[in-house]
Structures are given as structure tokens and as C-alpha cells.
Amino acid sequence: MTSQCLFCRIAAGDIPSNKVYSDDDVYAFRDINPAAPQHILVIPRKHLSSLNDAGPEDQALMGKLLLSARSIAQELGFADDGFRTVINTGEHGGQTVFHIHVHVLSGRHLSWPPG
């Protein structure tokens, strides 16, 4: 945990969130500025600033993030209709919080390209 990281502090319970899932490795919560009717953020409890900082030792954790996203979509009832997972990496990739996170978006038709 990085004491100044917003998402580390959310996962630790220091900042309130609308939690949808939690285990020893992963924490998921509703985005406070949703881009779709369903917009969940899935984060690792381990601090990684971005996908660029993930290494071979993080392979299982990265897989767990994506499988957690799928499980959350199933649990919340929107997996069958479809959903999008997005990992923004770096400033030009649209990353605004520098703690890796997976956006899970659903609840409306999502167009392509995204923007």
C-alpha cells in the first residue's frame, strides 16, 4: 500500500466506497463518475502504478483481476448482455489514477471505437 494512493486508501477502508467485491488480492467498487449504467473498478490490493509496472511475478494477479471482473458481471446480472473491460495505461492512454485498475462497463450499448 502507498499511503498517498487514492485506490490503496479505498482498498484499505480509509476512504468510503460502494464495494461490490473484496478478497485478499482484489477490491472492486462502483465508479463515482460512471461512464455507463454499470461501471465497476476492479483493483489489486498490491500497488502497481500502471500496466507498465506489472512484471512476470504479477501474472497470476493480473489474471485474477480479469476473472474477478467476469465474476462481478455474472453476480450483478449483466454478463450475458455483454460488458467491456478497459485498462487505461499512462497519460495518453487516459489513466488518471495511477494505481492499475480494470473498468467494467455495461448497461447500455457501448460503441467502437471508444474515443
C-alpha atoms as a PDB file:
ATOM      1  CA  MET A   1       0.000   0.000   0.000  1.00  0.00           C
ATOM      2  CA  THR A   2       1.132   3.502  -0.810  1.00  0.00           C
ATOM      3  CA  SER A   3      -0.174   5.924   1.812  1.00  0.00           C
ATOM      4  CA  GLN A   4      -0.868   8.710  -0.700  1.00  0.00           C
ATOM      5  CA  CYS A   5      -2.534   6.498  -3.342  1.00  0.00           C
ATOM      6  CA  LEU A   6      -6.287   7.082  -3.579  1.00  0.00           C
ATOM      7  CA  PHE A   7      -7.080   3.486  -4.567  1.00  0.00           C
ATOM      8  CA  CYS A   8      -4.784   1.994  -1.909  1.00  0.00           C
ATOM      9  CA  ARG A   9      -6.645   4.055   0.660  1.00  0.00           C
ATOM     10  CA  ILE A  10     -10.035   2.946  -0.718  1.00  0.00           C
ATOM     11  CA  ALA A  11      -8.996  -0.734  -0.624  1.00  0.00           C
ATOM     12  CA  ALA A  12      -7.748  -0.292   2.957  1.00  0.00           C
ATOM     13  CA  GLY A  13     -11.103   1.194   4.001  1.00  0.00           C
ATOM     14  CA  ASP A  14      -9.647   4.608   4.801  1.00  0.00           C
ATOM     15  CA  ILE A  15     -11.880   6.241   2.170  1.00  0.00           C
ATOM     16  CA  PRO A  16     -15.504   5.078   1.805  1.00  0.00           C
ATOM     17  CA  SER A  17     -16.601   3.372  -1.398  1.00  0.00           C
ATOM     18  CA  ASN A  18     -19.551   1.454  -2.753  1.00  0.00           C
ATOM     19  CA  LYS A  19     -17.944  -2.004  -2.535  1.00  0.00           C
ATOM     20  CA  VAL A  20     -19.159  -4.788  -4.799  1.00  0.00           C
ATOM     21  CA  TYR A  21     -16.412  -7.369  -4.177  1.00  0.00           C
ATOM     22  CA  SER A  22     -13.454  -7.917  -1.894  1.00  0.00           C
ATOM     23  CA  ASP A  23     -10.928 -10.654  -1.168  1.00  0.00           C
ATOM     24  CA  ASP A  24      -7.286 -10.823  -0.071  1.00  0.00           C
ATOM     25  CA  ASP A  25      -5.965  -9.761  -3.501  1.00  0.00           C
ATOM     26  CA  VAL A  26      -8.705  -7.752  -5.206  1.00  0.00           C
ATOM     27  CA  TYR A  27     -11.131  -4.981  -4.295  1.00  0.00           C
ATOM     28  CA  ALA A  28     -13.964  -3.784  -6.544  1.00  0.00           C
ATOM     29  CA  PHE A  29     -16.232  -0.786  -6.175  1.00  0.00           C
ATOM     30  CA  ARG A  30     -18.604   1.406  -8.173  1.00  0.00           C
ATOM     31  CA  ASP A  31     -17.038   4.338 -10.006  1.00  0.00           C
ATOM     32  CA  ILE A  32     -18.168   7.679  -8.514  1.00  0.00           C
ATOM     33  CA  ASN A  33     -18.332   9.174 -12.031  1.00  0.00           C
ATOM     34  CA  PRO A  34     -19.860   6.329 -14.078  1.00  0.00           C
ATOM     35  CA  ALA A  35     -19.485   6.249 -17.847  1.00  0.00           C
ATOM     36  CA  ALA A  36     -22.223   3.587 -18.155  1.00  0.00           C
ATOM     37  CA  PRO A  37     -25.161   2.405 -16.013  1.00  0.00           C
ATOM     38  CA  GLN A  38     -22.851  -0.294 -14.624  1.00  0.00           C
ATOM     39  CA  HIS A  39     -19.303   0.992 -14.044  1.00  0.00           C
ATOM     40  CA  ILE A  40     -17.198  -1.014 -11.623  1.00  0.00           C
ATOM     41  CA  LEU A  41     -13.485  -0.542 -10.894  1.00  0.00           C
ATOM     42  CA  VAL A  42     -11.521  -3.691 -10.065  1.00  0.00           C
ATOM     43  CA  ILE A  43      -8.174  -3.041  -8.389  1.00  0.00           C
ATOM     44  CA  PRO A  44      -5.419  -5.154  -6.896  1.00  0.00           C
ATOM     45  CA  ARG A  45      -4.663  -4.572  -3.238  1.00  0.00           C
ATOM     46  CA  LYS A  46      -0.997  -4.593  -4.246  1.00  0.00           C
ATOM     47  CA  HIS A  47       0.021  -1.177  -5.500  1.00  0.00           C
ATOM     48  CA  LEU A  48       1.038  -1.166  -9.156  1.00  0.00           C
ATOM     49  CA  SER A  49       1.026   2.284 -10.747  1.00  0.00           C
ATOM     50  CA  SER A  50       0.088   1.032 -14.209  1.00  0.00           C
ATOM     51  CA  LEU A  51       0.198  -1.961 -16.513  1.00  0.00           C
ATOM     52  CA  ASN A  52       3.735  -0.835 -17.389  1.00  0.00           C
ATOM     53  CA  ASP A  53       4.761  -1.672 -13.803  1.00  0.00           C
ATOM     54  CA  ALA A  54       3.383  -5.224 -13.793  1.00  0.00           C
ATOM     55  CA  GLY A  55       6.053  -7.888 -14.101  1.00  0.00           C
ATOM     56  CA  PRO A  56       6.182 -11.654 -14.522  1.00  0.00           C
ATOM     57  CA  GLU A  57       5.628 -12.013 -10.774  1.00  0.00           C
ATOM     58  CA  ASP A  58       2.220 -10.312 -11.241  1.00  0.00           C
ATOM     59  CA  GLN A  59       0.921 -12.741 -13.862  1.00  0.00           C
ATOM     60  CA  ALA A  60      -1.495 -14.538 -11.516  1.00  0.00           C
ATOM     61  CA  LEU A  61      -2.716 -11.263 -10.023  1.00  0.00           C
ATOM     62  CA  MET A  62      -3.411  -9.772 -13.456  1.00  0.00           C
ATOM     63  CA  GLY A  63      -5.364 -12.868 -14.414  1.00  0.00           C
ATOM     64  CA  LYS A  64      -7.289 -12.671 -11.165  1.00  0.00           C
ATOM     65  CA  LEU A  65      -8.279  -9.062 -11.914  1.00  0.00           C
ATOM     66  CA  LEU A  66      -9.858 -10.109 -15.216  1.00  0.00           C
ATOM     67  CA  LEU A  67     -11.535 -13.206 -13.813  1.00  0.00           C
ATOM     68  CA  SER A  68     -12.867 -11.111 -10.933  1.00  0.00           C
ATOM     69  CA  ALA A  69     -14.335  -8.687 -13.486  1.00  0.00           C
ATOM     70  CA  ARG A  70     -16.129 -11.600 -15.162  1.00  0.00           C
ATOM     71  CA  SER A  71     -17.423 -12.928 -11.831  1.00  0.00           C
ATOM     72  CA  ILE A  72     -18.678  -9.481 -10.832  1.00  0.00           C
ATOM     73  CA  ALA A  73     -20.503  -9.116 -14.167  1.00  0.00           C
ATOM     74  CA  GLN A  74     -22.136 -12.504 -13.595  1.00  0.00           C
ATOM     75  CA  GLU A  75     -23.015 -11.728  -9.970  1.00  0.00           C
ATOM     76  CA  LEU A  76     -24.553  -8.351 -10.869  1.00  0.00           C
ATOM     77  CA  GLY A  77     -26.506  -9.888 -13.759  1.00  0.00           C
ATOM     78  CA  PHE A  78     -25.067  -8.154 -16.806  1.00  0.00           C
ATOM     79  CA  ALA A  79     -22.571 -10.750 -18.084  1.00  0.00           C
ATOM     80  CA  ASP A  80     -24.999 -12.302 -20.574  1.00  0.00           C
ATOM     81  CA  ASP A  81     -25.899  -8.929 -22.120  1.00  0.00           C
ATOM     82  CA  GLY A  82     -22.213  -8.100 -22.509  1.00  0.00           C
ATOM     83  CA  PHE A  83     -19.702  -5.815 -20.907  1.00  0.00           C
ATOM     84  CA  ARG A  84     -16.427  -4.087 -21.660  1.00  0.00           C
ATOM     85  CA  THR A  85     -13.212  -4.268 -19.682  1.00  0.00           C
ATOM     86  CA  VAL A  86     -10.693  -1.453 -20.047  1.00  0.00           C
ATOM     87  CA  ILE A  87      -7.261  -0.823 -18.559  1.00  0.00           C
ATOM     88  CA  ASN A  88      -6.022   2.698 -19.275  1.00  0.00           C
ATOM     89  CA  THR A  89      -2.235   2.923 -19.167  1.00  0.00           C
ATOM     90  CA  GLY A  90      -0.354   6.208 -18.881  1.00  0.00           C
ATOM     91  CA  GLU A  91      -1.420   9.762 -19.559  1.00  0.00           C
ATOM     92  CA  HIS A  92      -2.022   9.292 -23.296  1.00  0.00           C
ATOM     93  CA  GLY A  93      -3.963   6.114 -22.542  1.00  0.00           C
ATOM     94  CA  GLY A  94      -6.390   8.077 -20.383  1.00  0.00           C
ATOM     95  CA  GLN A  95      -5.139   6.933 -16.976  1.00  0.00           C
ATOM     96  CA  THR A  96      -5.983   9.478 -14.275  1.00  0.00           C
ATOM     97  CA  VAL A  97      -5.431   7.437 -11.096  1.00  0.00           C
ATOM     98  CA  PHE A  98      -2.011   5.808 -11.042  1.00  0.00           C
ATOM     99  CA  HIS A  99      -2.977   2.518  -9.413  1.00  0.00           C
ATOM    100  CA  ILE A 100      -3.761  -0.116 -12.035  1.00  0.00           C
ATOM    101  CA  HIS A 101      -7.479  -0.772 -12.353  1.00  0.00           C
ATOM    102  CA  VAL A 102      -9.889  -2.538 -14.659  1.00  0.00           C
ATOM    103  CA  HIS A 103     -13.014  -0.640 -15.674  1.00  0.00           C
ATOM    104  CA  VAL A 104     -16.029  -2.937 -16.104  1.00  0.00           C
ATOM    105  CA  LEU A 105     -18.717  -1.161 -18.119  1.00  0.00           C
ATOM    106  CA  SER A 106     -22.209  -2.332 -19.077  1.00  0.00           C
ATOM    107  CA  GLY A 107     -25.884  -1.453 -19.036  1.00  0.00           C
ATOM    108  CA  ARG A 108     -26.034   0.182 -22.479  1.00  0.00           C
ATOM    109  CA  HIS A 109     -24.736  -0.448 -25.974  1.00  0.00           C
ATOM    110  CA  LEU A 110     -21.048   0.504 -25.997  1.00  0.00           C
ATOM    111  CA  SER A 111     -19.856   1.864 -29.325  1.00  0.00           C
ATOM    112  CA  TRP A 112     -16.484   1.349 -31.009  1.00  0.00           C
ATOM    113  CA  PRO A 113     -14.021   2.948 -31.202  1.00  0.00           C
ATOM    114  CA  PRO A 114     -14.272   4.171 -27.624  1.00  0.00           C
ATOM    115  CA  GLY A 115     -12.738   7.611 -28.158  1.00  0.00           C
END
